[in-house]
Amino acid sequence: MGGSVRAALRMGGTITGEHGVGPFKRRWLGWERQAEVLELTPRKD
């Protein structure tokens, strides 16, 4: 799955969708967003 995420990001895509990022995709969110943005993002655990 990580390879698919990298490919999408290289093509200018995103790992987020209309409903945000769930626990499964959260591990790759740092590939797309900067640490400062992640700190400001609310999380539902």
C-alpha atoms as a PDB file:
ATOM      1  CA  MET A   1       0.000   0.000   0.000  1.00  0.00           C
ATOM      2  CA  GLY A   2       2.866   2.391   0.755  1.00  0.00           C
ATOM      3  CA  GLY A   3       4.030   2.128  -2.854  1.00  0.00           C
ATOM      4  CA  SER A   4       0.601   3.155  -4.083  1.00  0.00           C
ATOM      5  CA  VAL A   5       0.574   6.139  -1.745  1.00  0.00           C
ATOM      6  CA  ARG A   6       4.006   7.256  -2.968  1.00  0.00           C
ATOM      7  CA  ALA A   7       2.911   6.931  -6.590  1.00  0.00           C
ATOM      8  CA  ALA A   8      -0.207   9.012  -5.958  1.00  0.00           C
ATOM      9  CA  LEU A   9       1.808  11.746  -4.247  1.00  0.00           C
ATOM     10  CA  ARG A  10       4.410  11.794  -7.045  1.00  0.00           C
ATOM     11  CA  MET A  11       1.614  12.399  -9.547  1.00  0.00           C
ATOM     12  CA  GLY A  12       0.313  15.342  -7.513  1.00  0.00           C
ATOM     13  CA  GLY A  13      -2.442  13.370  -5.811  1.00  0.00           C
ATOM     14  CA  THR A  14      -3.345  13.154  -2.177  1.00  0.00           C
ATOM     15  CA  ILE A  15      -3.930  10.413   0.362  1.00  0.00           C
ATOM     16  CA  THR A  16      -6.860  12.279   1.840  1.00  0.00           C
ATOM     17  CA  GLY A  17     -10.357  11.974   0.517  1.00  0.00           C
ATOM     18  CA  GLU A  18     -13.670  13.618   1.149  1.00  0.00           C
ATOM     19  CA  HIS A  19     -13.790  12.013   4.571  1.00  0.00           C
ATOM     20  CA  GLY A  20     -10.237  12.708   5.720  1.00  0.00           C
ATOM     21  CA  VAL A  21      -7.604  10.237   6.829  1.00  0.00           C
ATOM     22  CA  GLY A  22      -8.461   7.330   9.068  1.00  0.00           C
ATOM     23  CA  PRO A  23      -6.186   5.303  11.322  1.00  0.00           C
ATOM     24  CA  PHE A  24      -4.976   3.095   8.454  1.00  0.00           C
ATOM     25  CA  LYS A  25      -3.696   5.956   6.258  1.00  0.00           C
ATOM     26  CA  ARG A  26      -2.460   8.110   9.142  1.00  0.00           C
ATOM     27  CA  ARG A  27       0.980   6.459   8.976  1.00  0.00           C
ATOM     28  CA  TRP A  28       1.559   8.067   5.537  1.00  0.00           C
ATOM     29  CA  LEU A  29       0.159  11.512   6.285  1.00  0.00           C
ATOM     30  CA  GLY A  30       3.642  12.814   7.109  1.00  0.00           C
ATOM     31  CA  TRP A  31       4.669  12.114   3.492  1.00  0.00           C
ATOM     32  CA  GLU A  32       2.129  14.694   2.353  1.00  0.00           C
ATOM     33  CA  ARG A  33       1.858  17.245   5.136  1.00  0.00           C
ATOM     34  CA  GLN A  34       4.514  19.121   7.096  1.00  0.00           C
ATOM     35  CA  ALA A  35       4.951  18.431  10.813  1.00  0.00           C
ATOM     36  CA  GLU A  36       3.612  21.902  11.710  1.00  0.00           C
ATOM     37  CA  VAL A  37       0.383  21.192   9.846  1.00  0.00           C
ATOM     38  CA  LEU A  38       0.010  17.806  11.503  1.00  0.00           C
ATOM     39  CA  GLU A  39       0.345  19.424  14.944  1.00  0.00           C
ATOM     40  CA  LEU A  40      -2.611  21.704  14.166  1.00  0.00           C
ATOM     41  CA  THR A  41      -4.775  18.919  12.770  1.00  0.00           C
ATOM     42  CA  PRO A  42      -7.414  17.590  15.168  1.00  0.00           C
ATOM     43  CA  ARG A  43      -7.309  13.840  15.721  1.00  0.00           C
ATOM     44  CA  LYS A  44      -9.970  11.348  16.655  1.00  0.00           C
ATOM     45  CA  ASP A  45      -8.341   8.385  18.375  1.00  0.00           C
END
